[in-house]
N, C-alpha and C. Protein backbone atom coordinates (compact mmCIF):
# COMPACT_ATOMS: atom_id res chain seq x y z
N MET A 1 -35.20 5.18 13.11
CA MET A 1 -34.74 5.44 11.81
C MET A 1 -33.19 4.71 11.64
N LYS A 2 -33.00 3.97 10.58
CA LYS A 2 -31.53 3.48 10.40
C LYS A 2 -30.89 4.00 9.40
N ILE A 3 -29.64 4.56 9.50
CA ILE A 3 -28.89 5.05 8.50
C ILE A 3 -27.52 4.28 8.27
N ASN A 4 -27.93 3.58 7.17
CA ASN A 4 -26.65 3.07 6.21
C ASN A 4 -26.54 1.91 7.05
N GLY A 5 -27.42 0.88 7.64
CA GLY A 5 -27.56 -0.16 8.39
C GLY A 5 -26.57 0.29 9.56
N SER A 6 -26.49 1.28 10.27
CA SER A 6 -25.83 1.42 11.45
C SER A 6 -26.15 0.52 12.68
N ASP A 7 -27.37 0.28 12.70
CA ASP A 7 -28.12 -0.40 13.68
C ASP A 7 -27.43 -1.79 13.38
N GLY A 8 -27.25 -2.65 12.41
CA GLY A 8 -26.87 -4.01 12.33
C GLY A 8 -25.28 -3.85 12.73
N ASN A 9 -24.74 -2.70 12.42
CA ASN A 9 -23.03 -2.69 12.57
C ASN A 9 -23.25 -2.64 14.48
N LYS A 10 -24.05 -1.92 14.67
CA LYS A 10 -23.90 -1.64 16.35
C LYS A 10 -24.22 -3.03 17.00
N ARG A 11 -25.30 -3.92 16.72
CA ARG A 11 -25.40 -5.51 16.77
C ARG A 11 -24.10 -6.31 16.81
N LYS A 12 -23.52 -6.28 15.66
CA LYS A 12 -22.44 -7.12 15.22
C LYS A 12 -21.36 -6.61 16.46
N LYS A 13 -21.01 -5.41 16.77
CA LYS A 13 -20.16 -5.17 17.56
C LYS A 13 -20.34 -5.47 19.00
N HIS A 14 -21.67 -5.18 19.52
CA HIS A 14 -22.06 -5.59 20.65
C HIS A 14 -22.32 -6.96 20.74
N THR A 15 -22.25 -7.96 19.70
CA THR A 15 -22.00 -9.42 19.91
C THR A 15 -20.83 -9.73 19.71
N LEU A 16 -19.94 -8.96 19.30
CA LEU A 16 -18.44 -9.48 19.07
C LEU A 16 -17.85 -9.14 20.68
N VAL A 17 -18.09 -8.37 20.96
CA VAL A 17 -17.65 -7.66 22.44
C VAL A 17 -18.39 -8.95 23.38
N GLN A 18 -19.57 -9.04 23.60
CA GLN A 18 -20.19 -9.82 24.44
C GLN A 18 -19.72 -11.50 24.32
N SER A 19 -19.27 -11.83 22.89
CA SER A 19 -18.64 -13.19 22.91
C SER A 19 -17.45 -13.21 23.39
N ARG A 20 -16.36 -12.17 23.35
CA ARG A 20 -15.09 -11.84 23.65
C ARG A 20 -15.23 -12.03 25.24
N GLU A 21 -16.10 -11.53 25.57
CA GLU A 21 -16.35 -11.46 27.38
C GLU A 21 -16.59 -12.56 27.64
N GLU A 22 -17.63 -13.39 26.80
CA GLU A 22 -18.04 -14.65 27.46
C GLU A 22 -16.75 -15.52 27.49
N LEU A 23 -15.76 -15.40 26.38
CA LEU A 23 -14.91 -16.35 26.07
C LEU A 23 -13.81 -16.32 27.60
N LEU A 24 -13.77 -14.93 27.86
CA LEU A 24 -12.67 -14.55 28.76
C LEU A 24 -13.28 -15.11 30.36
N ALA A 25 -14.62 -14.83 30.27
CA ALA A 25 -15.14 -15.51 31.62
C ALA A 25 -14.84 -16.65 31.64
N ARG A 26 -15.26 -17.82 30.48
CA ARG A 26 -14.71 -19.02 30.62
C ARG A 26 -13.42 -19.55 30.69
N GLU A 27 -12.63 -18.75 30.13
CA GLU A 27 -11.46 -19.34 30.13
C GLU A 27 -10.45 -18.61 31.26
N LEU A 28 -10.51 -17.68 31.52
CA LEU A 28 -9.86 -17.24 32.76
C LEU A 28 -10.11 -17.68 34.04
N PRO A 29 -9.08 -17.91 35.12
CA PRO A 29 -9.67 -19.00 36.26
C PRO A 29 -10.23 -17.65 37.41
N HIS A 30 -11.12 -18.00 38.19
CA HIS A 30 -11.69 -17.39 38.95
C HIS A 30 -10.62 -16.96 40.31
N ASP A 31 -9.98 -18.01 40.55
CA ASP A 31 -9.09 -18.01 41.68
C ASP A 31 -8.09 -17.01 41.30
N PRO A 32 -7.91 -15.99 42.27
CA PRO A 32 -6.74 -14.82 42.18
C PRO A 32 -5.56 -15.20 41.99
N ASP A 33 -5.11 -16.48 42.61
CA ASP A 33 -3.48 -16.76 42.62
C ASP A 33 -3.76 -17.61 41.30
N LEU A 34 -4.71 -18.34 40.69
CA LEU A 34 -4.81 -19.21 39.31
C LEU A 34 -4.61 -18.15 38.31
N LEU A 35 -5.80 -16.88 38.46
CA LEU A 35 -5.44 -15.89 37.53
C LEU A 35 -3.97 -15.32 37.43
N GLU A 36 -3.52 -15.14 38.39
CA GLU A 36 -2.06 -14.21 38.38
C GLU A 36 -1.14 -15.10 37.64
N MET A 37 -1.53 -16.77 38.13
CA MET A 37 -0.58 -17.69 37.66
C MET A 37 -0.86 -17.81 35.65
N TYR A 38 -1.98 -17.54 35.12
CA TYR A 38 -2.18 -17.48 34.04
C TYR A 38 -1.88 -16.08 33.21
N LEU A 39 -1.98 -15.18 34.07
CA LEU A 39 -1.59 -13.88 33.38
C LEU A 39 -0.30 -13.91 33.07
N ASN A 40 0.57 -14.64 34.17
CA ASN A 40 2.04 -14.87 33.84
C ASN A 40 2.55 -15.57 32.80
N GLN A 41 1.71 -16.63 32.48
CA GLN A 41 2.11 -17.60 31.32
C GLN A 41 1.64 -16.66 30.27
N GLN A 42 0.80 -15.93 30.06
CA GLN A 42 0.11 -15.34 28.80
C GLN A 42 1.43 -14.12 28.30
N ARG A 43 1.92 -13.47 29.76
CA ARG A 43 3.10 -12.64 29.46
C ARG A 43 4.17 -13.43 28.96
N GLU A 44 4.60 -14.15 29.61
CA GLU A 44 5.73 -15.15 29.07
C GLU A 44 5.72 -15.76 27.58
N LYS A 45 4.58 -16.07 27.20
CA LYS A 45 4.21 -16.35 25.77
C LYS A 45 4.45 -15.36 24.71
N PHE A 46 3.99 -14.25 25.40
CA PHE A 46 3.88 -12.62 24.29
C PHE A 46 5.43 -12.47 24.31
N ILE A 47 6.28 -12.46 25.35
CA ILE A 47 7.58 -12.14 25.41
C ILE A 47 8.70 -13.03 24.45
N GLN A 48 8.14 -14.18 24.82
CA GLN A 48 8.73 -15.35 23.93
C GLN A 48 8.49 -15.04 22.59
N ALA A 49 7.38 -14.54 22.07
CA ALA A 49 6.99 -14.64 20.76
C ALA A 49 7.34 -13.20 19.65
N SER A 50 7.74 -12.35 20.82
CA SER A 50 8.17 -11.16 20.42
C SER A 50 9.62 -10.96 20.63
N GLU A 51 10.33 -11.53 21.53
CA GLU A 51 11.70 -11.33 21.72
C GLU A 51 12.50 -10.94 20.60
N ALA A 52 12.42 -12.23 19.44
CA ALA A 52 13.48 -11.76 18.46
C ALA A 52 13.12 -10.81 17.61
N GLU A 53 11.90 -10.46 17.64
CA GLU A 53 11.38 -8.87 16.54
C GLU A 53 12.18 -7.65 17.62
N TRP A 54 11.99 -7.91 18.59
CA TRP A 54 12.51 -6.68 19.42
C TRP A 54 14.08 -6.34 19.66
N ALA A 55 14.69 -7.65 19.35
CA ALA A 55 16.14 -7.69 19.49
C ALA A 55 16.63 -7.07 18.04
N VAL A 56 15.98 -7.49 17.13
CA VAL A 56 16.21 -6.67 15.47
C VAL A 56 16.08 -5.34 15.84
N ILE A 57 14.81 -4.74 16.17
CA ILE A 57 14.28 -3.41 16.02
C ILE A 57 15.16 -2.49 16.89
N ALA A 58 15.46 -3.21 18.03
CA ALA A 58 16.35 -2.60 19.26
C ALA A 58 17.79 -2.38 18.55
N CYS A 59 18.36 -3.33 17.86
CA CYS A 59 19.59 -3.50 17.51
C CYS A 59 19.94 -2.44 16.39
N HIS A 60 18.97 -1.94 15.32
CA HIS A 60 18.93 -1.24 14.70
C HIS A 60 18.59 0.11 15.05
N LEU A 61 18.02 0.45 16.11
CA LEU A 61 17.77 1.36 16.62
C LEU A 61 18.99 2.12 17.39
N ARG A 62 19.75 1.44 18.03
CA ARG A 62 20.90 1.66 18.57
C ARG A 62 21.91 2.02 17.74
N GLU A 63 22.29 1.20 16.75
CA GLU A 63 23.16 1.72 15.44
C GLU A 63 22.65 2.92 14.94
N ASP A 64 21.41 3.31 14.68
CA ASP A 64 21.12 4.61 14.30
C ASP A 64 21.52 5.67 15.11
N ARG A 65 21.31 5.34 16.64
CA ARG A 65 21.56 6.29 17.59
C ARG A 65 23.07 6.50 17.62
N LEU A 66 23.68 5.49 17.55
CA LEU A 66 25.44 5.67 17.50
C LEU A 66 25.59 6.54 16.34
N ASN A 67 25.32 6.29 15.22
CA ASN A 67 25.51 6.80 14.03
C ASN A 67 25.31 8.45 14.06
N CYS A 68 24.14 8.68 15.01
CA CYS A 68 23.96 10.05 14.94
C CYS A 68 24.61 10.65 16.01
N GLY A 69 25.92 10.22 16.46
CA GLY A 69 26.55 10.64 17.75
C GLY A 69 25.58 10.55 19.01
N ILE A 70 24.68 10.20 19.23
CA ILE A 70 23.88 10.39 20.40
C ILE A 70 24.26 9.29 21.58
N SER A 71 24.72 9.98 22.72
CA SER A 71 25.07 9.14 23.58
C SER A 71 23.86 8.30 24.53
N LEU A 72 24.02 7.19 25.29
CA LEU A 72 22.78 7.05 25.91
C LEU A 72 22.06 7.56 26.84
N ALA A 73 23.47 8.43 27.37
CA ALA A 73 22.72 9.38 28.50
C ALA A 73 22.09 10.59 27.76
N ASP A 74 22.28 10.82 26.98
CA ASP A 74 21.52 11.94 26.14
C ASP A 74 20.36 11.23 25.56
N ALA A 75 20.20 10.10 25.13
CA ALA A 75 19.10 9.49 24.76
C ALA A 75 18.01 9.47 25.80
N ALA A 76 18.49 9.01 26.91
CA ALA A 76 18.09 8.75 28.17
C ALA A 76 17.13 10.11 28.54
N THR A 77 17.84 11.18 28.24
CA THR A 77 17.28 12.58 28.65
C THR A 77 16.11 12.92 27.59
N MET A 78 16.59 13.11 26.28
CA MET A 78 15.68 12.80 25.33
C MET A 78 14.37 12.25 25.03
N THR A 79 14.33 10.95 25.51
CA THR A 79 13.31 10.12 25.54
C THR A 79 12.80 10.06 26.84
N GLY A 80 13.08 10.46 27.92
CA GLY A 80 12.72 10.39 29.32
C GLY A 80 12.55 9.04 29.77
N PHE A 81 13.47 8.08 29.49
CA PHE A 81 13.47 6.65 30.07
C PHE A 81 14.83 6.73 30.79
N SER A 82 15.27 5.86 31.41
CA SER A 82 16.38 6.00 32.33
C SER A 82 17.52 5.08 31.50
N SER A 83 18.42 5.49 31.74
CA SER A 83 19.61 4.85 30.85
C SER A 83 19.80 3.27 31.05
N SER A 84 19.21 2.94 32.11
CA SER A 84 19.44 1.22 32.31
C SER A 84 18.09 0.52 31.57
N THR A 85 16.80 1.53 31.45
CA THR A 85 16.17 0.94 30.71
C THR A 85 16.24 0.85 29.08
N LEU A 86 17.09 1.98 28.66
CA LEU A 86 17.28 2.00 27.52
C LEU A 86 18.34 0.99 27.04
N ARG A 87 19.37 0.50 28.16
CA ARG A 87 20.50 -0.54 27.71
C ARG A 87 19.45 -1.73 27.43
N LYS A 88 18.69 -1.92 28.21
CA LYS A 88 18.27 -3.16 28.06
C LYS A 88 17.18 -3.23 27.01
N PHE A 89 16.74 -1.99 26.61
CA PHE A 89 15.83 -2.44 25.61
C PHE A 89 16.95 -2.38 24.22
N GLU A 90 17.88 -1.86 24.18
CA GLU A 90 18.98 -1.92 22.85
C GLU A 90 19.48 -3.64 22.82
N LYS A 91 19.51 -3.95 24.31
CA LYS A 91 19.66 -5.60 24.09
C LYS A 91 19.08 -6.32 23.74
N GLY A 92 17.62 -6.18 23.46
CA GLY A 92 16.71 -6.95 23.21
C GLY A 92 16.15 -7.52 24.39
N SER A 93 16.48 -7.25 25.52
CA SER A 93 15.59 -7.77 26.62
C SER A 93 14.41 -7.12 26.68
N PRO A 94 13.54 -7.90 27.44
CA PRO A 94 11.88 -7.50 27.53
C PRO A 94 11.79 -6.42 28.57
N VAL A 95 11.37 -5.18 28.31
CA VAL A 95 11.36 -3.95 29.02
C VAL A 95 9.81 -3.53 28.84
N ARG A 96 9.25 -2.91 30.17
CA ARG A 96 7.93 -2.59 29.88
C ARG A 96 8.02 -0.80 28.72
N ASN A 97 6.65 -1.28 28.15
CA ASN A 97 6.61 -0.21 27.25
C ASN A 97 7.67 -0.02 26.11
N ALA A 98 7.84 -1.34 25.50
CA ALA A 98 8.86 -1.50 24.57
C ALA A 98 8.78 -0.56 23.17
N ARG A 99 7.13 -0.70 22.90
CA ARG A 99 6.94 0.10 21.76
C ARG A 99 6.72 1.45 21.86
N VAL A 100 6.52 2.15 23.18
CA VAL A 100 6.68 3.24 23.53
C VAL A 100 8.02 3.78 23.12
N ILE A 101 8.97 2.97 23.64
CA ILE A 101 10.44 3.31 23.80
C ILE A 101 10.93 3.34 22.21
N GLY A 102 10.32 2.39 21.65
CA GLY A 102 10.89 2.26 20.27
C GLY A 102 10.34 3.56 19.44
N ARG A 103 9.04 3.86 19.68
CA ARG A 103 8.81 5.39 18.98
C ARG A 103 9.15 6.62 19.27
N SER A 104 9.74 6.47 20.71
CA SER A 104 10.54 7.44 21.18
C SER A 104 12.05 7.50 20.57
N TYR A 105 12.60 6.55 20.51
CA TYR A 105 13.43 6.31 19.63
C TYR A 105 13.63 6.97 18.47
N GLU A 106 12.66 6.29 17.83
CA GLU A 106 12.58 6.79 16.26
C GLU A 106 12.24 8.34 16.01
N MET A 107 11.47 9.15 17.11
CA MET A 107 11.12 10.46 17.08
C MET A 107 12.29 11.17 17.27
N MET A 108 13.34 10.51 18.33
CA MET A 108 14.56 11.39 18.68
C MET A 108 15.68 11.29 17.46
N LEU A 109 15.50 10.07 16.65
CA LEU A 109 16.40 10.20 15.62
C LEU A 109 15.84 10.95 14.60
N LEU A 110 14.74 11.02 14.48
CA LEU A 110 14.25 12.00 13.24
C LEU A 110 14.29 13.22 13.81
N ILE A 111 14.29 13.71 14.78
CA ILE A 111 14.78 15.25 15.43
C ILE A 111 16.11 15.63 15.25
N GLU A 112 16.92 14.65 15.49
CA GLU A 112 18.35 14.73 15.34
C GLU A 112 18.78 15.10 14.00
N THR A 113 18.03 14.19 13.18
CA THR A 113 18.70 14.19 11.59
C THR A 113 17.82 15.62 11.11
N LEU A 114 16.72 16.03 11.55
CA LEU A 114 16.15 17.08 11.15
C LEU A 114 17.09 18.59 11.55
N GLN A 115 17.48 18.28 12.70
CA GLN A 115 18.17 19.22 13.56
C GLN A 115 19.75 19.27 12.56
N SER A 116 20.03 18.38 12.30
CA SER A 116 21.31 18.26 11.56
C SER A 116 21.54 18.74 10.08
N GLU A 117 20.02 18.40 9.61
CA GLU A 117 19.93 19.16 8.26
C GLU A 117 19.66 20.86 7.97
N LEU A 118 18.92 21.03 9.09
CA LEU A 118 19.16 22.58 9.19
C LEU A 118 20.29 23.04 9.50
N THR A 119 20.91 22.74 10.46
CA THR A 119 22.51 22.85 10.49
C THR A 119 23.18 23.26 9.13
N SER A 120 23.14 22.29 8.34
CA SER A 120 23.63 22.06 7.20
C SER A 120 23.48 23.21 6.19
N ALA A 121 22.00 23.50 6.08
CA ALA A 121 21.05 24.35 5.58
C ALA A 121 21.69 26.05 5.96
N PHE A 122 21.87 25.89 7.14
CA PHE A 122 22.28 27.21 7.51
C PHE A 122 23.73 27.80 7.16
N GLN A 123 24.40 26.41 7.61
CA GLN A 123 25.98 26.84 7.15
C GLN A 123 26.00 27.02 5.43
N TYR A 124 25.13 26.63 4.51
CA TYR A 124 25.21 26.66 3.29
C TYR A 124 24.88 28.16 3.01
N ILE A 125 23.76 28.50 3.54
CA ILE A 125 23.17 30.05 3.54
C ILE A 125 24.81 30.84 3.96
N ASP A 126 25.01 30.46 5.25
CA ASP A 126 26.11 31.62 5.66
C ASP A 126 27.17 31.56 4.38
N GLU A 127 27.88 30.51 3.89
CA GLU A 127 28.64 30.47 2.95
C GLU A 127 28.34 31.09 1.66
N LEU A 128 27.11 31.03 1.11
CA LEU A 128 26.64 31.88 0.03
C LEU A 128 26.67 33.49 0.62
N THR A 129 26.26 33.93 1.61
CA THR A 129 26.12 35.25 1.99
C THR A 129 27.76 35.85 1.97
N MET A 130 28.40 35.25 2.60
CA MET A 130 29.81 35.47 2.44
C MET A 130 30.26 35.80 1.11
N GLU A 131 30.06 35.02 -0.01
CA GLU A 131 30.41 34.61 -1.28
C GLU A 131 29.92 35.90 -1.74
N LEU A 132 28.67 36.32 -1.48
CA LEU A 132 28.05 37.43 -2.07
C LEU A 132 28.29 38.70 -1.77
N ARG A 133 28.79 38.90 -0.42
CA ARG A 133 29.69 40.05 0.47
C ARG A 133 30.67 40.34 -0.55
N GLU A 134 31.75 39.12 -0.77
CA GLU A 134 32.97 39.33 -1.43
C GLU A 134 32.93 39.63 -2.70
N MET A 135 31.56 39.28 -3.42
CA MET A 135 31.65 39.70 -4.93
C MET A 135 31.30 41.06 -4.62
N LYS A 136 30.41 41.82 -4.11
CA LYS A 136 29.93 42.85 -4.03
C LYS A 136 31.25 44.13 -3.89
N LEU A 137 32.28 43.21 -2.72
CA LEU A 137 33.62 44.18 -2.60
C LEU A 137 34.28 44.19 -3.61
N LEU A 138 34.37 42.95 -4.35
CA LEU A 138 35.64 43.01 -5.84
C LEU A 138 34.61 44.09 -6.78
N GLU A 139 33.31 44.23 -6.86
CA GLU A 139 32.68 45.16 -8.02
C GLU A 139 33.19 46.40 -7.66
N LYS A 140 33.09 46.47 -6.10
CA LYS A 140 33.56 47.97 -5.62
C LYS A 140 34.76 48.52 -6.16
N ASP A 141 35.74 47.56 -6.17
CA ASP A 141 37.06 47.87 -6.61
C ASP A 141 37.31 48.02 -7.90
């Protein structure tokens, strides 16, 4: 029994996957050395295509980190990546897991911002509490 043409969708997906697998089988060399060389070339192409984007993103994240007063060592502790990896990332150099590092930076900065806002809110509450106490003391006099 077909439900909303799901059998047709499954066939399309299977055909697309099969086509991609066939294309890769034809495109990729079967010799391990050639395959390694091919994969290295693809990696280099990807790095070259992405390098400018990474540099811009990393530069902004570095500026945000510095504006929050977070040291590189603290960023390493908070994100779980080494300081040297983060330094390379911030300079726009290719690093493994660049997207994961970028997301970790974004989460670290968000947490830092929220902590700062909470601290400000608590300070404001403390100030209001002190003012209320002073007002009550004045009323008693």
